[in-house]
Amino acid sequence: MKRLNLVVLGIGGVGRSLLQQIVVNRSLHTKQYQLNLSVQAVCDRSGAISAEDRSAGLGDDTLGQVVEFKASGKGLVEHSQGIAQDDPTKIVKQAIADQAANQETVVVDCTATEATVSALTLAIDMGQKVALANKIPLTVQQEVYSRLTTAGATERDLGRSRWETTVGAGLPVIATLGRLIASGDAIQRIAGTFSGTLGYVMTGLQEGKLLSEIVREAYDLGYTEPDPRDDLGGIDVARKALILARGIGWALEMDDVQVEGLYPSSMDALSISEFMDALPELDSSFQQRIQDAAAQGKVLRYAATVEDGQCRVMPTVVHADSPLGRLTGTDNLAEFHTTWYSPNPLVVQGRGAGVEATAAGVLSDIVELAYT
């Protein structure tokens, strides 16, 4: 039986679902993979809980209590076993130092912050492994991306890091890109929609609804972030596009990504309620864009395009009979246009959001790391 130690950073929706899935799948991992996933520590922004007995890790009952405790809105520092911490690097360093000989630790980043970068790079530098759902560390400086995803200046280290869920949640977008590159198939263009929320908005526009009406509907249904501009501004999609571009091998920074959101920057200073009230001002312009596209036999999609050394993220007119043009609802989709996949692209499509699907993707990354 192989044992793999885990330090989980971030116990939000994805982190909680991951802990639940680890417990539920213990018998599967034992039977299929002869694998024991031992959670040594869990951390949030306020505190951490670490196993007192490293040989046993945190018990399944404790993990269940942590899930319920965090779901109630409390921080780990308030838990009876919690300790205050404002630097996850210390927790990671201690967990690695305490592990038995010949054991490995995977640091699992389920946060949405840059604050975990030092903990992740420490794990790599100490010869350990990382699995990321958090896309931000891969979109800061190129040097950080390289440290987290490569073993040196020229040689890729596919054994000690996984970041599949940073683009497309549970969809195998990163794996597909990696396989294409490994085969020598030249990537000519990647185009995709990587936001379920923006896909919902674009589908509504195509159905003839007003932008303000769709955004209000998505907001009320909880599809958007608490501030809808976090979705409508396109920055999250831009980060995913940058990860794909860097995966191809392009040395780009976030400032190099061309981003056009669905609202003007003049609306940034408004409160959330003021922003929602001002959205009708944009209705007519989007109706016109939809009509202009339809007159050409095309449709409007919010798409990321990675091509010719550039990343563009913006409302884009595409052919109605293309994979992107046929896409509806909240699915994510990636088109890979390559030497071999031409003129018809390789298409990866499916559920690209949701904490359960994302957590399942992270768990799959962890199991892969156990035997690489």
Protein backbone atom coordinates (compact mmCIF):
# COMPACT_ATOMS: atom_id res chain seq x y z
CA MET A 1 0.00 0.00 0.00
CA LYS A 2 1.42 3.36 -1.03
CA ARG A 3 0.81 6.33 1.23
CA LEU A 4 0.63 9.89 -0.08
CA ASN A 5 0.49 12.77 2.39
CA LEU A 6 -1.67 15.79 1.59
CA VAL A 7 -1.69 19.40 2.78
CA VAL A 8 -4.88 21.09 1.60
CA LEU A 9 -4.85 24.89 1.26
CA GLY A 10 -8.31 26.40 1.02
CA ILE A 11 -11.45 24.85 2.52
CA GLY A 12 -14.04 26.70 0.47
CA GLY A 13 -16.48 24.91 -1.81
CA VAL A 14 -13.83 23.04 -3.80
CA GLY A 15 -11.69 22.21 -0.76
CA ARG A 16 -14.66 20.88 1.19
CA SER A 17 -15.85 18.77 -1.74
CA LEU A 18 -12.32 17.41 -2.17
CA LEU A 19 -12.17 16.28 1.47
CA GLN A 20 -15.55 14.59 1.09
CA GLN A 21 -14.50 12.83 -2.09
CA ILE A 22 -11.26 11.61 -0.51
CA VAL A 23 -13.27 9.96 2.28
CA VAL A 24 -15.94 8.52 -0.03
CA ASN A 25 -13.37 7.04 -2.42
CA ARG A 26 -11.08 5.38 0.13
CA SER A 27 -12.19 1.86 -0.76
CA LEU A 28 -11.81 2.59 -4.49
CA HIS A 29 -8.30 3.96 -4.03
CA THR A 30 -7.34 0.98 -1.89
CA LYS A 31 -8.74 -1.61 -4.29
CA GLN A 32 -7.80 -0.03 -7.61
CA TYR A 33 -4.57 1.78 -6.77
CA GLN A 34 -3.31 0.35 -3.48
CA LEU A 35 -3.25 3.97 -2.34
CA ASN A 36 -3.87 5.68 0.99
CA LEU A 37 -4.36 9.45 0.86
CA SER A 38 -3.40 10.78 4.30
CA VAL A 39 -4.49 14.37 4.97
CA GLN A 40 -1.83 15.86 7.24
CA ALA A 41 -3.13 19.43 7.44
CA VAL A 42 -5.90 21.70 6.22
CA CYS A 43 -5.58 25.49 6.06
CA ASP A 44 -7.75 28.49 5.41
CA ARG A 45 -6.87 32.18 5.56
CA SER A 46 -7.40 32.31 9.32
CA GLY A 47 -5.89 29.12 10.66
CA ALA A 48 -4.95 25.50 10.23
CA ILE A 49 -5.57 22.06 11.67
CA SER A 50 -2.66 19.64 11.63
CA ALA A 51 -2.56 15.95 12.52
CA GLU A 52 -1.11 15.29 15.96
CA ASP A 53 -0.16 11.79 14.85
CA ARG A 54 1.58 12.09 11.48
CA SER A 55 1.46 8.34 10.98
CA ALA A 56 -2.34 8.40 11.05
CA GLY A 57 -3.11 11.82 9.57
CA LEU A 58 -6.42 13.56 10.18
CA GLY A 59 -9.14 10.95 10.66
CA ASP A 60 -12.19 10.78 8.42
CA ASP A 61 -14.42 11.88 11.31
CA THR A 62 -12.26 14.96 11.78
CA LEU A 63 -12.36 15.72 8.04
CA GLY A 64 -16.16 15.47 8.12
CA GLN A 65 -16.29 17.86 11.07
CA VAL A 66 -14.01 20.30 9.23
CA VAL A 67 -16.33 20.24 6.21
CA GLU A 68 -19.38 20.97 8.37
CA PHE A 69 -17.54 23.60 10.38
CA LYS A 70 -16.39 25.49 7.31
CA ALA A 71 -19.80 25.17 5.65
CA SER A 72 -21.22 27.05 8.63
CA GLY A 73 -19.10 30.05 7.70
CA LYS A 74 -16.51 29.79 10.47
CA GLY A 75 -12.74 29.99 10.13
CA LEU A 76 -10.45 27.16 11.15
CA VAL A 77 -8.90 29.36 13.83
CA GLU A 78 -12.23 29.04 15.67
CA HIS A 79 -12.17 25.23 15.58
CA SER A 80 -11.21 23.42 18.80
CA GLN A 81 -8.19 21.92 17.02
CA GLY A 82 -7.39 25.03 15.03
CA ILE A 83 -4.33 27.23 15.38
CA ALA A 84 -3.91 30.76 14.06
CA GLN A 85 -1.74 31.03 10.95
CA ASP A 86 -1.24 33.70 8.34
CA ASP A 87 1.47 31.92 6.36
CA PRO A 88 0.67 28.49 4.86
CA THR A 89 4.38 28.09 4.08
CA LYS A 90 5.03 27.24 7.74
CA ILE A 91 2.37 24.52 7.75
CA VAL A 92 3.71 23.04 4.51
CA LYS A 93 7.32 23.10 5.71
CA GLN A 94 6.44 21.40 8.99
CA ALA A 95 4.32 18.71 7.32
CA ILE A 96 7.12 17.87 4.89
CA ALA A 97 9.75 17.88 7.65
CA ASP A 98 7.66 15.54 9.81
CA GLN A 99 6.91 12.96 7.13
CA ALA A 100 8.53 9.55 7.35
CA ALA A 101 11.37 8.55 5.04
CA ASN A 102 10.35 7.51 1.54
CA GLN A 103 6.98 9.27 1.84
CA GLU A 104 5.81 12.08 -0.39
CA THR A 105 3.61 15.13 0.18
CA VAL A 106 1.29 16.82 -2.28
CA VAL A 107 0.39 20.42 -1.49
CA VAL A 108 -3.12 20.96 -2.86
CA ASP A 109 -4.12 24.55 -3.61
CA CYS A 110 -7.88 25.05 -3.63
CA THR A 111 -7.71 28.77 -2.86
CA ALA A 112 -8.12 31.77 -5.16
CA THR A 113 -5.20 33.88 -3.99
CA GLU A 114 -1.59 34.68 -4.78
CA ALA A 115 -0.71 34.18 -1.10
CA THR A 116 -0.03 30.46 -1.62
CA VAL A 117 2.83 30.96 -4.10
CA SER A 118 5.61 30.71 -1.52
CA ALA A 119 4.14 27.51 -0.06
CA LEU A 120 3.85 25.92 -3.49
CA THR A 121 7.36 26.84 -4.60
CA LEU A 122 8.72 25.64 -1.26
CA ALA A 123 7.11 22.24 -1.81
CA ILE A 124 8.65 21.98 -5.28
CA ASP A 125 12.05 23.12 -4.02
CA MET A 126 11.91 20.45 -1.29
CA GLY A 127 11.31 17.75 -3.89
CA GLN A 128 7.59 17.38 -3.18
CA LYS A 129 4.53 17.75 -5.42
CA VAL A 130 1.71 20.23 -6.02
CA ALA A 131 -1.82 20.06 -7.42
CA LEU A 132 -3.56 23.32 -8.24
CA ALA A 133 -7.17 24.32 -8.72
CA ASN A 134 -6.01 27.88 -8.05
CA LYS A 135 -5.05 29.48 -11.36
CA ILE A 136 -3.53 32.67 -9.91
CA PRO A 137 -0.06 31.23 -9.08
CA LEU A 138 0.24 30.14 -12.73
CA THR A 139 -0.59 33.62 -13.99
CA VAL A 140 1.77 35.74 -11.93
CA GLN A 141 5.35 36.16 -13.14
CA GLN A 142 6.59 33.74 -15.78
CA GLU A 143 9.38 32.67 -13.42
CA VAL A 144 6.82 31.39 -10.90
CA TYR A 145 4.95 29.49 -13.61
CA SER A 146 8.20 27.86 -14.70
CA ARG A 147 9.17 26.87 -11.15
CA LEU A 148 5.80 25.28 -10.56
CA THR A 149 5.57 23.42 -13.85
CA THR A 150 9.13 22.63 -14.92
CA ALA A 151 12.22 21.04 -13.39
CA GLY A 152 14.66 23.40 -15.10
CA ALA A 153 15.11 25.90 -17.87
CA THR A 154 14.50 23.43 -20.68
CA GLU A 155 13.25 20.13 -19.27
CA ARG A 156 9.58 19.71 -18.32
CA ASP A 157 8.93 17.91 -15.05
CA LEU A 158 5.54 16.35 -15.60
CA GLY A 159 5.93 14.22 -12.49
CA ARG A 160 5.69 16.75 -9.68
CA SER A 161 2.86 19.10 -10.61
CA ARG A 162 -0.66 18.97 -11.98
CA TRP A 163 -2.98 21.89 -12.76
CA GLU A 164 -5.73 20.34 -14.88
CA THR A 165 -8.61 22.11 -13.15
CA THR A 166 -7.21 25.62 -13.64
CA VAL A 167 -8.76 25.65 -17.14
CA GLY A 168 -12.17 24.08 -17.66
CA ALA A 169 -12.62 22.57 -14.16
CA GLY A 170 -12.93 18.82 -14.69
CA LEU A 171 -12.47 18.93 -18.48
CA PRO A 172 -9.15 17.49 -19.76
CA VAL A 173 -8.05 20.71 -21.46
CA ILE A 174 -4.52 20.85 -20.01
CA ALA A 175 -4.00 17.11 -20.57
CA THR A 176 -5.13 17.43 -24.19
CA LEU A 177 -2.75 20.33 -24.77
CA GLY A 178 0.11 18.37 -23.22
CA ARG A 179 -0.55 15.30 -25.36
CA LEU A 180 -0.69 17.35 -28.54
CA ILE A 181 2.63 19.02 -27.71
CA ALA A 182 4.22 15.69 -26.76
CA SER A 183 3.21 14.22 -30.12
CA GLY A 184 4.89 17.07 -32.01
CA ASP A 185 1.56 18.30 -33.37
CA ALA A 186 2.00 22.06 -33.84
CA ILE A 187 -0.65 24.17 -32.09
CA GLN A 188 -1.89 26.77 -34.55
CA ARG A 189 -4.80 28.15 -32.58
CA ILE A 190 -6.82 27.50 -29.44
CA ALA A 191 -10.26 29.05 -29.11
CA GLY A 192 -12.66 28.47 -26.29
CA THR A 193 -15.28 29.58 -23.86
CA PHE A 194 -14.13 29.09 -20.28
CA SER A 195 -16.87 30.69 -18.22
CA GLY A 196 -20.20 29.03 -17.56
CA THR A 197 -21.60 32.38 -16.47
CA LEU A 198 -20.59 34.14 -19.68
CA GLY A 199 -21.84 31.20 -21.72
CA TYR A 200 -25.20 31.61 -20.01
CA VAL A 201 -25.18 35.32 -20.86
CA MET A 202 -24.29 34.73 -24.51
CA THR A 203 -26.99 32.07 -24.89
CA GLY A 204 -29.55 34.46 -23.45
CA LEU A 205 -28.53 37.22 -25.84
CA GLN A 206 -28.86 34.86 -28.79
CA GLU A 207 -32.37 33.97 -27.59
CA GLY A 208 -33.31 37.64 -27.80
CA LYS A 209 -33.10 38.58 -24.13
CA LEU A 210 -31.65 41.88 -22.97
CA LEU A 211 -28.20 41.92 -21.38
CA SER A 212 -29.52 43.56 -18.21
CA GLU A 213 -32.28 40.96 -17.98
CA ILE A 214 -29.90 38.00 -18.34
CA VAL A 215 -27.34 39.33 -15.87
CA ARG A 216 -30.06 40.01 -13.30
CA GLU A 217 -31.39 36.49 -13.81
CA ALA A 218 -27.93 34.92 -13.46
CA TYR A 219 -27.22 37.04 -10.39
CA ASP A 220 -30.48 36.03 -8.69
CA LEU A 221 -29.82 32.35 -9.48
CA GLY A 222 -26.37 32.58 -7.94
CA TYR A 223 -24.58 31.85 -11.23
CA THR A 224 -22.41 34.96 -10.96
CA GLU A 225 -19.90 36.00 -8.35
CA PRO A 226 -21.30 38.27 -5.58
CA ASP A 227 -20.11 41.16 -7.75
CA PRO A 228 -21.16 40.21 -11.33
CA ARG A 229 -18.32 42.32 -12.72
CA ASP A 230 -15.90 39.63 -11.55
CA ASP A 231 -17.44 37.46 -14.29
CA LEU A 232 -18.38 40.10 -16.84
CA GLY A 233 -14.94 41.74 -16.81
CA GLY A 234 -13.31 38.65 -18.33
CA ILE A 235 -10.23 38.55 -16.08
CA ASP A 236 -10.87 34.97 -14.97
CA VAL A 237 -11.07 33.87 -18.61
CA ALA A 238 -7.92 35.87 -19.35
CA ARG A 239 -6.02 33.91 -16.68
CA LYS A 240 -7.10 30.64 -18.29
CA ALA A 241 -6.02 31.86 -21.73
CA LEU A 242 -2.62 32.82 -20.32
CA ILE A 243 -2.16 29.36 -18.78
CA LEU A 244 -2.85 27.79 -22.17
CA ALA A 245 -0.44 30.17 -23.91
CA ARG A 246 2.29 29.44 -21.38
CA GLY A 247 1.54 25.75 -21.82
CA ILE A 248 2.35 26.10 -25.51
CA GLY A 249 5.63 27.67 -24.48
CA TRP A 250 4.97 31.38 -24.98
CA ALA A 251 6.57 33.68 -22.40
CA LEU A 252 3.66 36.05 -21.80
CA GLU A 253 2.46 38.04 -18.80
CA MET A 254 -1.07 39.04 -17.79
CA ASP A 255 -0.49 42.52 -19.18
CA ASP A 256 0.05 40.93 -22.60
CA VAL A 257 -3.48 39.50 -22.68
CA GLN A 258 -5.97 41.68 -24.55
CA VAL A 259 -9.18 41.75 -22.53
CA GLU A 260 -12.51 43.33 -23.42
CA GLY A 261 -15.24 42.84 -20.86
CA LEU A 262 -18.97 43.19 -21.29
CA TYR A 263 -19.13 46.61 -19.64
CA PRO A 264 -17.07 49.83 -19.87
CA SER A 265 -14.44 50.69 -17.27
CA SER A 266 -16.50 53.76 -16.33
CA MET A 267 -18.83 51.37 -14.47
CA ASP A 268 -16.05 50.01 -12.21
CA ALA A 269 -16.55 52.70 -9.58
CA LEU A 270 -20.26 51.96 -9.12
CA SER A 271 -21.63 49.96 -6.22
CA ILE A 272 -23.10 46.57 -7.10
CA SER A 273 -26.67 47.89 -6.96
CA GLU A 274 -25.73 50.95 -9.02
CA PHE A 275 -24.01 48.72 -11.57
CA MET A 276 -27.08 46.50 -11.91
CA ASP A 277 -29.30 49.57 -12.32
CA ALA A 278 -26.98 50.95 -15.01
CA LEU A 279 -26.84 47.77 -17.11
CA PRO A 280 -29.88 48.70 -19.28
CA GLU A 281 -27.68 51.41 -20.82
CA LEU A 282 -25.81 48.60 -22.59
CA ASP A 283 -28.84 46.68 -23.86
CA SER A 284 -29.23 48.34 -27.26
CA SER A 285 -25.56 48.03 -28.22
CA PHE A 286 -25.54 44.29 -27.53
CA GLN A 287 -28.81 43.80 -29.38
CA GLN A 288 -27.19 45.48 -32.38
CA ARG A 289 -24.11 43.26 -32.14
CA ILE A 290 -26.29 40.15 -32.08
CA GLN A 291 -28.27 41.36 -35.10
CA ASP A 292 -25.12 42.25 -37.05
CA ALA A 293 -23.67 38.80 -36.39
CA ALA A 294 -26.91 37.07 -37.42
CA ALA A 295 -26.94 38.98 -40.70
CA GLN A 296 -23.62 37.28 -41.52
CA GLY A 297 -24.82 33.84 -40.46
CA LYS A 298 -22.76 34.13 -37.30
CA VAL A 299 -23.27 34.37 -33.54
CA LEU A 300 -21.65 36.25 -30.67
CA ARG A 301 -19.64 34.32 -28.08
CA TYR A 302 -17.41 35.43 -25.23
CA ALA A 303 -14.27 33.64 -26.29
CA ALA A 304 -10.58 33.32 -25.54
CA THR A 305 -8.34 33.03 -28.57
CA VAL A 306 -4.70 31.93 -28.31
CA GLU A 307 -3.00 32.41 -31.67
CA ASP A 308 0.14 33.86 -33.28
CA GLY A 309 1.81 34.52 -29.94
CA GLN A 310 -1.15 36.53 -28.65
CA CYS A 311 -4.07 36.04 -26.27
CA ARG A 312 -7.38 37.79 -26.85
CA VAL A 313 -10.39 37.56 -24.55
CA MET A 314 -13.51 39.37 -25.74
CA PRO A 315 -16.94 39.09 -27.33
CA THR A 316 -16.18 37.37 -30.62
CA VAL A 317 -18.26 36.72 -33.74
CA VAL A 318 -17.98 33.07 -34.86
CA HIS A 319 -19.68 30.96 -37.52
CA ALA A 320 -23.00 29.59 -36.31
CA ASP A 321 -22.11 26.07 -37.47
CA SER A 322 -18.72 25.98 -35.70
CA PRO A 323 -18.27 24.15 -32.39
CA LEU A 324 -18.22 27.50 -30.57
CA GLY A 325 -21.22 28.71 -32.54
CA ARG A 326 -23.30 25.65 -31.67
CA LEU A 327 -22.45 25.85 -27.97
CA THR A 328 -25.30 26.80 -25.65
CA GLY A 329 -25.83 27.04 -21.91
CA THR A 330 -23.09 26.90 -19.30
CA ASP A 331 -20.80 24.27 -20.86
CA ASN A 332 -17.14 25.09 -21.47
CA LEU A 333 -15.51 24.27 -24.79
CA ALA A 334 -11.99 24.32 -26.21
CA GLU A 335 -11.12 24.02 -29.89
CA PHE A 336 -7.57 22.90 -30.71
CA HIS A 337 -6.56 23.78 -34.27
CA THR A 338 -3.34 21.93 -35.08
CA THR A 339 -1.41 20.45 -37.97
CA TRP A 340 -3.23 17.14 -37.66
CA TYR A 341 -6.58 18.52 -36.49
CA SER A 342 -7.33 20.64 -39.54
CA PRO A 343 -9.63 21.84 -40.95
CA ASN A 344 -11.79 20.34 -38.20
CA PRO A 345 -10.42 21.04 -34.71
CA LEU A 346 -10.10 18.68 -31.79
CA VAL A 347 -12.92 19.72 -29.45
CA VAL A 348 -13.17 19.23 -25.69
CA GLN A 349 -16.59 20.14 -24.32
CA GLY A 350 -18.58 19.58 -21.17
CA ARG A 351 -19.34 20.83 -17.72
CA GLY A 352 -16.65 23.38 -16.98
CA ALA A 353 -17.72 24.63 -13.59
CA GLY A 354 -19.07 23.46 -10.24
CA VAL A 355 -17.28 22.60 -7.04
CA GLU A 356 -17.92 18.86 -7.33
CA ALA A 357 -16.55 18.57 -10.87
CA THR A 358 -13.54 20.73 -9.97
CA ALA A 359 -12.82 18.75 -6.82
CA ALA A 360 -13.07 15.50 -8.77
CA GLY A 361 -10.50 16.85 -11.22
CA VAL A 362 -8.16 17.77 -8.38
CA LEU A 363 -8.56 14.31 -6.86
CA SER A 364 -7.69 12.75 -10.20
CA ASP A 365 -4.55 14.91 -10.34
CA ILE A 366 -3.56 13.73 -6.86
CA VAL A 367 -3.97 10.06 -7.76
CA GLU A 368 -1.84 10.59 -10.89
CA LEU A 369 0.85 12.26 -8.81
CA ALA A 370 0.96 9.28 -6.49
CA TYR A 371 2.59 7.16 -9.18
CA THR A 372 4.69 9.67 -11.15
